[in-house]
Amino acid sequence: VGLLLTGGGARAAYQVGVLEAIADLRLAARVGE
């Protein structure tokens, strides 16, 4: 699985919200990793 994070200066804050949601979804799915 690959991840691409594109550019955009301060707009890159959007990426952090995406990653935070992914972390929460993984926790909810009880992925043991």
ModelCIF file with pLDDT and N, C-alpha, C, O atoms, coordinates in Angstrom:
data_MODEL
#
_entry.id   MODEL 
#
_entity.id                         1 
_entity.type                       polymer 
_entity.pdbx_number_of_molecules   1 
#
_entity_poly.entity_id                      1 
_entity_poly.type                           'polypeptide(L)' 
_entity_poly.nstd_linkage                   no 
_entity_poly.nstd_monomer                   no 
_entity_poly.pdbx_seq_one_letter_code       VGLLLTGGGARAAYQVGVLEAIADLRLAARVGE 
_entity_poly.pdbx_seq_one_letter_code_can   VGLLLTGGGARAAYQVGVLEAIADLRLAARVGE 
_entity_poly.pdbx_strand_id                 A 
#
loop_
_entity_poly_seq.entity_id 
_entity_poly_seq.num 
_entity_poly_seq.mon_id 
_entity_poly_seq.hetero 
1 1  VAL n 
1 2  GLY n 
1 3  LEU n 
1 4  LEU n 
1 5  LEU n 
1 6  THR n 
1 7  GLY n 
1 8  GLY n 
1 9  GLY n 
1 10 ALA n 
1 11 ARG n 
1 12 ALA n 
1 13 ALA n 
1 14 TYR n 
1 15 GLN n 
1 16 VAL n 
1 17 GLY n 
1 18 VAL n 
1 19 LEU n 
1 20 GLU n 
1 21 ALA n 
1 22 ILE n 
1 23 ALA n 
1 24 ASP n 
1 25 LEU n 
1 26 ARG n 
1 27 LEU n 
1 28 ALA n 
1 29 ALA n 
1 30 ARG n 
1 31 VAL n 
1 32 GLY n 
1 33 GLU n 
#
_struct_asym.id          A 
_struct_asym.entity_id   1 
#
loop_
_ma_qa_metric.id 
_ma_qa_metric.mode 
_ma_qa_metric.name 
_ma_qa_metric.software_group_id 
_ma_qa_metric.type 
1 global pLDDT . pLDDT 
2 local  pLDDT . pLDDT 
#
_ma_qa_metric_global.metric_id      1 
_ma_qa_metric_global.metric_value   93.58 
_ma_qa_metric_global.model_id       1 
_ma_qa_metric_global.ordinal_id     1 
#
loop_
_ma_qa_metric_local.label_asym_id 
_ma_qa_metric_local.label_comp_id 
_ma_qa_metric_local.label_seq_id 
_ma_qa_metric_local.metric_id 
_ma_qa_metric_local.metric_value 
_ma_qa_metric_local.model_id 
_ma_qa_metric_local.ordinal_id 
A VAL 1  2 95.00 1 1  
A GLY 2  2 97.00 1 2  
A LEU 3  2 97.00 1 3  
A LEU 4  2 97.00 1 4  
A LEU 5  2 96.00 1 5  
A THR 6  2 93.00 1 6  
A GLY 7  2 82.00 1 7  
A GLY 8  2 86.00 1 8  
A GLY 9  2 91.00 1 9  
A ALA 10 2 94.00 1 10 
A ARG 11 2 94.00 1 11 
A ALA 12 2 95.00 1 12 
A ALA 13 2 97.00 1 13 
A TYR 14 2 97.00 1 14 
A GLN 15 2 97.00 1 15 
A VAL 16 2 98.00 1 16 
A GLY 17 2 98.00 1 17 
A VAL 18 2 98.00 1 18 
A LEU 19 2 98.00 1 19 
A GLU 20 2 98.00 1 20 
A ALA 21 2 98.00 1 21 
A ILE 22 2 97.00 1 22 
A ALA 23 2 97.00 1 23 
A ASP 24 2 96.00 1 24 
A LEU 25 2 96.00 1 25 
A ARG 26 2 95.00 1 26 
A LEU 27 2 93.00 1 27 
A ALA 28 2 92.00 1 28 
A ALA 29 2 90.00 1 29 
A ARG 30 2 88.00 1 30 
A VAL 31 2 86.00 1 31 
A GLY 32 2 78.00 1 32 
A GLU 33 2 84.00 1 33 
#
loop_
_atom_site.group_PDB 
_atom_site.id 
_atom_site.type_symbol 
_atom_site.label_atom_id 
_atom_site.label_alt_id 
_atom_site.label_comp_id 
_atom_site.label_asym_id 
_atom_site.label_entity_id 
_atom_site.label_seq_id 
_atom_site.pdbx_PDB_ins_code 
_atom_site.Cartn_x 
_atom_site.Cartn_y 
_atom_site.Cartn_z 
_atom_site.occupancy 
_atom_site.B_iso_or_equiv 
_atom_site.pdbx_formal_charge 
_atom_site.auth_seq_id 
_atom_site.auth_comp_id 
_atom_site.auth_asym_id 
_atom_site.auth_atom_id 
_atom_site.pdbx_PDB_model_num 
ATOM 1   N N  . VAL A 1 1  ? 0.856   -1.186 0.000  1.00 95.00 ? 1  VAL A N  1 
ATOM 2   C CA . VAL A 1 1  ? 0.000   0.000  0.000  1.00 95.00 ? 1  VAL A CA 1 
ATOM 3   C C  . VAL A 1 1  ? 0.892   1.236  0.000  1.00 95.00 ? 1  VAL A C  1 
ATOM 4   O O  . VAL A 1 1  ? 1.783   1.368  0.838  1.00 95.00 ? 1  VAL A O  1 
ATOM 5   N N  . GLY A 1 2  ? 0.645   2.139  -0.946 1.00 97.00 ? 2  GLY A N  1 
ATOM 6   C CA . GLY A 1 2  ? 1.413   3.369  -1.038 1.00 97.00 ? 2  GLY A CA 1 
ATOM 7   C C  . GLY A 1 2  ? 0.587   4.571  -0.634 1.00 97.00 ? 2  GLY A C  1 
ATOM 8   O O  . GLY A 1 2  ? -0.642  4.543  -0.694 1.00 97.00 ? 2  GLY A O  1 
ATOM 9   N N  . LEU A 1 3  ? 1.272   5.630  -0.223 1.00 97.00 ? 3  LEU A N  1 
ATOM 10  C CA . LEU A 1 3  ? 0.630   6.884  0.160  1.00 97.00 ? 3  LEU A CA 1 
ATOM 11  C C  . LEU A 1 3  ? 1.323   8.020  -0.578 1.00 97.00 ? 3  LEU A C  1 
ATOM 12  O O  . LEU A 1 3  ? 2.550   8.117  -0.575 1.00 97.00 ? 3  LEU A O  1 
ATOM 13  N N  . LEU A 1 4  ? 0.525   8.882  -1.213 1.00 97.00 ? 4  LEU A N  1 
ATOM 14  C CA . LEU A 1 4  ? 1.033   10.108 -1.825 1.00 97.00 ? 4  LEU A CA 1 
ATOM 15  C C  . LEU A 1 4  ? 0.409   11.300 -1.123 1.00 97.00 ? 4  LEU A C  1 
ATOM 16  O O  . LEU A 1 4  ? -0.814  11.416 -1.046 1.00 97.00 ? 4  LEU A O  1 
ATOM 17  N N  . LEU A 1 5  ? 1.255   12.187 -0.612 1.00 96.00 ? 5  LEU A N  1 
ATOM 18  C CA . LEU A 1 5  ? 0.814   13.443 -0.021 1.00 96.00 ? 5  LEU A CA 1 
ATOM 19  C C  . LEU A 1 5  ? 1.335   14.573 -0.905 1.00 96.00 ? 5  LEU A C  1 
ATOM 20  O O  . LEU A 1 5  ? 2.545   14.749 -1.042 1.00 96.00 ? 5  LEU A O  1 
ATOM 21  N N  . THR A 1 6  ? 0.427   15.331 -1.500 1.00 93.00 ? 6  THR A N  1 
ATOM 22  C CA . THR A 1 6  ? 0.818   16.351 -2.470 1.00 93.00 ? 6  THR A CA 1 
ATOM 23  C C  . THR A 1 6  ? 1.134   17.669 -1.774 1.00 93.00 ? 6  THR A C  1 
ATOM 24  O O  . THR A 1 6  ? 1.098   17.768 -0.548 1.00 93.00 ? 6  THR A O  1 
ATOM 25  N N  . GLY A 1 7  ? 1.447   18.686 -2.587 1.00 82.00 ? 7  GLY A N  1 
ATOM 26  C CA . GLY A 1 7  ? 1.884   19.959 -2.043 1.00 82.00 ? 7  GLY A CA 1 
ATOM 27  C C  . GLY A 1 7  ? 0.751   20.932 -1.783 1.00 82.00 ? 7  GLY A C  1 
ATOM 28  O O  . GLY A 1 7  ? -0.424  20.641 -2.005 1.00 82.00 ? 7  GLY A O  1 
ATOM 29  N N  . GLY A 1 8  ? 1.159   22.114 -1.299 1.00 86.00 ? 8  GLY A N  1 
ATOM 30  C CA . GLY A 1 8  ? 0.162   23.142 -1.067 1.00 86.00 ? 8  GLY A CA 1 
ATOM 31  C C  . GLY A 1 8  ? 0.392   24.016 0.147  1.00 86.00 ? 8  GLY A C  1 
ATOM 32  O O  . GLY A 1 8  ? -0.556  24.631 0.637  1.00 86.00 ? 8  GLY A O  1 
ATOM 33  N N  . GLY A 1 9  ? 1.626   24.096 0.658  1.00 91.00 ? 9  GLY A N  1 
ATOM 34  C CA . GLY A 1 9  ? 1.884   24.960 1.797  1.00 91.00 ? 9  GLY A CA 1 
ATOM 35  C C  . GLY A 1 9  ? 0.975   24.629 2.966  1.00 91.00 ? 9  GLY A C  1 
ATOM 36  O O  . GLY A 1 9  ? 0.856   23.469 3.362  1.00 91.00 ? 9  GLY A O  1 
ATOM 37  N N  . ALA A 1 10 ? 0.329   25.657 3.522  1.00 94.00 ? 10 ALA A N  1 
ATOM 38  C CA . ALA A 1 10 ? -0.538  25.463 4.683  1.00 94.00 ? 10 ALA A CA 1 
ATOM 39  C C  . ALA A 1 10 ? -1.745  24.587 4.364  1.00 94.00 ? 10 ALA A C  1 
ATOM 40  O O  . ALA A 1 10 ? -2.370  24.047 5.277  1.00 94.00 ? 10 ALA A O  1 
ATOM 41  N N  . ARG A 1 11 ? -2.080  24.440 3.092  1.00 94.00 ? 11 ARG A N  1 
ATOM 42  C CA . ARG A 1 11 ? -3.188  23.562 2.719  1.00 94.00 ? 11 ARG A CA 1 
ATOM 43  C C  . ARG A 1 11 ? -2.932  22.110 3.123  1.00 94.00 ? 11 ARG A C  1 
ATOM 44  O O  . ARG A 1 11 ? -3.869  21.315 3.199  1.00 94.00 ? 11 ARG A O  1 
ATOM 45  N N  . ALA A 1 12 ? -1.678  21.762 3.380  1.00 95.00 ? 12 ALA A N  1 
ATOM 46  C CA . ALA A 1 12 ? -1.344  20.392 3.761  1.00 95.00 ? 12 ALA A CA 1 
ATOM 47  C C  . ALA A 1 12 ? -1.926  20.008 5.116  1.00 95.00 ? 12 ALA A C  1 
ATOM 48  O O  . ALA A 1 12 ? -1.862  18.841 5.501  1.00 95.00 ? 12 ALA A O  1 
ATOM 49  N N  . ALA A 1 13 ? -2.490  20.961 5.842  1.00 97.00 ? 13 ALA A N  1 
ATOM 50  C CA . ALA A 1 13 ? -3.203  20.628 7.081  1.00 97.00 ? 13 ALA A CA 1 
ATOM 51  C C  . ALA A 1 13 ? -4.351  19.662 6.798  1.00 97.00 ? 13 ALA A C  1 
ATOM 52  O O  . ALA A 1 13 ? -4.701  18.839 7.644  1.00 97.00 ? 13 ALA A O  1 
ATOM 53  N N  . TYR A 1 14 ? -4.925  19.766 5.617  1.00 97.00 ? 14 TYR A N  1 
ATOM 54  C CA . TYR A 1 14 ? -6.012  18.869 5.216  1.00 97.00 ? 14 TYR A CA 1 
ATOM 55  C C  . TYR A 1 14 ? -5.560  17.414 5.302  1.00 97.00 ? 14 TYR A C  1 
ATOM 56  O O  . TYR A 1 14 ? -6.322  16.551 5.738  1.00 97.00 ? 14 TYR A O  1 
ATOM 57  N N  . GLN A 1 15 ? -4.325  17.138 4.887  1.00 97.00 ? 15 GLN A N  1 
ATOM 58  C CA . GLN A 1 15 ? -3.797  15.774 4.917  1.00 97.00 ? 15 GLN A CA 1 
ATOM 59  C C  . GLN A 1 15 ? -3.794  15.209 6.329  1.00 97.00 ? 15 GLN A C  1 
ATOM 60  O O  . GLN A 1 15 ? -4.076  14.029 6.537  1.00 97.00 ? 15 GLN A O  1 
ATOM 61  N N  . VAL A 1 16 ? -3.476  16.057 7.291  1.00 98.00 ? 16 VAL A N  1 
ATOM 62  C CA . VAL A 1 16 ? -3.375  15.603 8.677  1.00 98.00 ? 16 VAL A CA 1 
ATOM 63  C C  . VAL A 1 16 ? -4.752  15.175 9.194  1.00 98.00 ? 16 VAL A C  1 
ATOM 64  O O  . VAL A 1 16 ? -4.861  14.195 9.931  1.00 98.00 ? 16 VAL A O  1 
ATOM 65  N N  . GLY A 1 17 ? -5.799  15.905 8.810  1.00 98.00 ? 17 GLY A N  1 
ATOM 66  C CA . GLY A 1 17 ? -7.152  15.498 9.179  1.00 98.00 ? 17 GLY A CA 1 
ATOM 67  C C  . GLY A 1 17 ? -7.525  14.161 8.559  1.00 98.00 ? 17 GLY A C  1 
ATOM 68  O O  . GLY A 1 17 ? -8.180  13.338 9.199  1.00 98.00 ? 17 GLY A O  1 
ATOM 69  N N  . VAL A 1 18 ? -7.106  13.940 7.305  1.00 98.00 ? 18 VAL A N  1 
ATOM 70  C CA . VAL A 1 18 ? -7.361  12.660 6.639  1.00 98.00 ? 18 VAL A CA 1 
ATOM 71  C C  . VAL A 1 18 ? -6.661  11.530 7.386  1.00 98.00 ? 18 VAL A C  1 
ATOM 72  O O  . VAL A 1 18 ? -7.261  10.488 7.652  1.00 98.00 ? 18 VAL A O  1 
ATOM 73  N N  . LEU A 1 19 ? -5.402  11.737 7.720  1.00 98.00 ? 19 LEU A N  1 
ATOM 74  C CA . LEU A 1 19 ? -4.626  10.705 8.417  1.00 98.00 ? 19 LEU A CA 1 
ATOM 75  C C  . LEU A 1 19 ? -5.196  10.416 9.801  1.00 98.00 ? 19 LEU A C  1 
ATOM 76  O O  . LEU A 1 19 ? -5.210  9.267  10.243 1.00 98.00 ? 19 LEU A O  1 
ATOM 77  N N  . GLU A 1 20 ? -5.665  11.457 10.482 1.00 98.00 ? 20 GLU A N  1 
ATOM 78  C CA . GLU A 1 20 ? -6.270  11.259 11.797 1.00 98.00 ? 20 GLU A CA 1 
ATOM 79  C C  . GLU A 1 20 ? -7.527  10.393 11.691 1.00 98.00 ? 20 GLU A C  1 
ATOM 80  O O  . GLU A 1 20 ? -7.750  9.513  12.522 1.00 98.00 ? 20 GLU A O  1 
ATOM 81  N N  . ALA A 1 21 ? -8.341  10.642 10.670 1.00 98.00 ? 21 ALA A N  1 
ATOM 82  C CA . ALA A 1 21 ? -9.549  9.838  10.470 1.00 98.00 ? 21 ALA A CA 1 
ATOM 83  C C  . ALA A 1 21 ? -9.192  8.393  10.129 1.00 98.00 ? 21 ALA A C  1 
ATOM 84  O O  . ALA A 1 21 ? -9.850  7.467  10.603 1.00 98.00 ? 21 ALA A O  1 
ATOM 85  N N  . ILE A 1 22 ? -8.162  8.193  9.315  1.00 97.00 ? 22 ILE A N  1 
ATOM 86  C CA . ILE A 1 22 ? -7.728  6.831  8.974  1.00 97.00 ? 22 ILE A CA 1 
ATOM 87  C C  . ILE A 1 22 ? -7.272  6.089  10.229 1.00 97.00 ? 22 ILE A C  1 
ATOM 88  O O  . ILE A 1 22 ? -7.592  4.914  10.408 1.00 97.00 ? 22 ILE A O  1 
ATOM 89  N N  . ALA A 1 23 ? -6.534  6.767  11.088 1.00 97.00 ? 23 ALA A N  1 
ATOM 90  C CA . ALA A 1 23 ? -6.100  6.142  12.341 1.00 97.00 ? 23 ALA A CA 1 
ATOM 91  C C  . ALA A 1 23 ? -7.300  5.734  13.192 1.00 97.00 ? 23 ALA A C  1 
ATOM 92  O O  . ALA A 1 23 ? -7.301  4.662  13.797 1.00 97.00 ? 23 ALA A O  1 
ATOM 93  N N  . ASP A 1 24 ? -8.318  6.587  13.238 1.00 96.00 ? 24 ASP A N  1 
ATOM 94  C CA . ASP A 1 24 ? -9.520  6.271  14.023 1.00 96.00 ? 24 ASP A CA 1 
ATOM 95  C C  . ASP A 1 24 ? -10.295 5.103  13.409 1.00 96.00 ? 24 ASP A C  1 
ATOM 96  O O  . ASP A 1 24 ? -10.795 4.241  14.132 1.00 96.00 ? 24 ASP A O  1 
ATOM 97  N N  . LEU A 1 25 ? -10.392 5.074  12.089 1.00 96.00 ? 25 LEU A N  1 
ATOM 98  C CA . LEU A 1 25 ? -11.097 3.975  11.427 1.00 96.00 ? 25 LEU A CA 1 
ATOM 99  C C  . LEU A 1 25 ? -10.372 2.651  11.665 1.00 96.00 ? 25 LEU A C  1 
ATOM 100 O O  . LEU A 1 25 ? -11.006 1.613  11.854 1.00 96.00 ? 25 LEU A O  1 
ATOM 101 N N  . ARG A 1 26 ? -9.053  2.696  11.655 1.00 95.00 ? 26 ARG A N  1 
ATOM 102 C CA . ARG A 1 26 ? -8.301  1.467  11.910 1.00 95.00 ? 26 ARG A CA 1 
ATOM 103 C C  . ARG A 1 26 ? -8.514  0.989  13.346 1.00 95.00 ? 26 ARG A C  1 
ATOM 104 O O  . ARG A 1 26 ? -8.645  -0.209 13.595 1.00 95.00 ? 26 ARG A O  1 
ATOM 105 N N  . LEU A 1 27 ? -8.546  1.919  14.270 1.00 93.00 ? 27 LEU A N  1 
ATOM 106 C CA . LEU A 1 27 ? -8.792  1.567  15.672 1.00 93.00 ? 27 LEU A CA 1 
ATOM 107 C C  . LEU A 1 27 ? -10.177 0.952  15.830 1.00 93.00 ? 27 LEU A C  1 
ATOM 108 O O  . LEU A 1 27 ? -10.342 -0.043 16.535 1.00 93.00 ? 27 LEU A O  1 
ATOM 109 N N  . ALA A 1 28 ? -11.180 1.550  15.166 1.00 92.00 ? 28 ALA A N  1 
ATOM 110 C CA . ALA A 1 28 ? -12.547 1.036  15.245 1.00 92.00 ? 28 ALA A CA 1 
ATOM 111 C C  . ALA A 1 28 ? -12.657 -0.358 14.629 1.00 92.00 ? 28 ALA A C  1 
ATOM 112 O O  . ALA A 1 28 ? -13.476 -1.173 15.054 1.00 92.00 ? 28 ALA A O  1 
ATOM 113 N N  . ALA A 1 29 ? -11.813 -0.623 13.615 1.00 90.00 ? 29 ALA A N  1 
ATOM 114 C CA . ALA A 1 29 ? -11.836 -1.936 12.958 1.00 90.00 ? 29 ALA A CA 1 
ATOM 115 C C  . ALA A 1 29 ? -11.052 -2.983 13.752 1.00 90.00 ? 29 ALA A C  1 
ATOM 116 O O  . ALA A 1 29 ? -11.011 -4.156 13.383 1.00 90.00 ? 29 ALA A O  1 
ATOM 117 N N  . ARG A 1 30 ? -10.431 -2.536 14.850 1.00 88.00 ? 30 ARG A N  1 
ATOM 118 C CA . ARG A 1 30 ? -9.673  -3.429 15.737 1.00 88.00 ? 30 ARG A CA 1 
ATOM 119 C C  . ARG A 1 30 ? -8.570  -4.176 14.986 1.00 88.00 ? 30 ARG A C  1 
ATOM 120 O O  . ARG A 1 30 ? -8.387  -5.384 15.131 1.00 88.00 ? 30 ARG A O  1 
ATOM 121 N N  . VAL A 1 31 ? -7.858  -3.415 14.195 1.00 86.00 ? 31 VAL A N  1 
ATOM 122 C CA . VAL A 1 31 ? -6.720  -3.993 13.481 1.00 86.00 ? 31 VAL A CA 1 
ATOM 123 C C  . VAL A 1 31 ? -5.573  -4.164 14.479 1.00 86.00 ? 31 VAL A C  1 
ATOM 124 O O  . VAL A 1 31 ? -5.117  -3.188 15.073 1.00 86.00 ? 31 VAL A O  1 
ATOM 125 N N  . GLY A 1 32 ? -5.120  -5.370 14.659 1.00 78.00 ? 32 GLY A N  1 
ATOM 126 C CA . GLY A 1 32 ? -4.081  -5.645 15.647 1.00 78.00 ? 32 GLY A CA 1 
ATOM 127 C C  . GLY A 1 32 ? -2.694  -5.359 15.119 1.00 78.00 ? 32 GLY A C  1 
ATOM 128 O O  . GLY A 1 32 ? -1.850  -6.254 15.075 1.00 78.00 ? 32 GLY A O  1 
ATOM 129 N N  . GLU A 1 33 ? -2.450  -4.148 14.726 1.00 84.00 ? 33 GLU A N  1 
ATOM 130 C CA . GLU A 1 33 ? -1.167  -3.773 14.127 1.00 84.00 ? 33 GLU A CA 1 
ATOM 131 C C  . GLU A 1 33 ? -0.864  -2.338 14.493 1.00 84.00 ? 33 GLU A C  1 
ATOM 132 O O  . GLU A 1 33 ? 0.172   -1.805 14.096 1.00 84.00 ? 33 GLU A O  1 
#
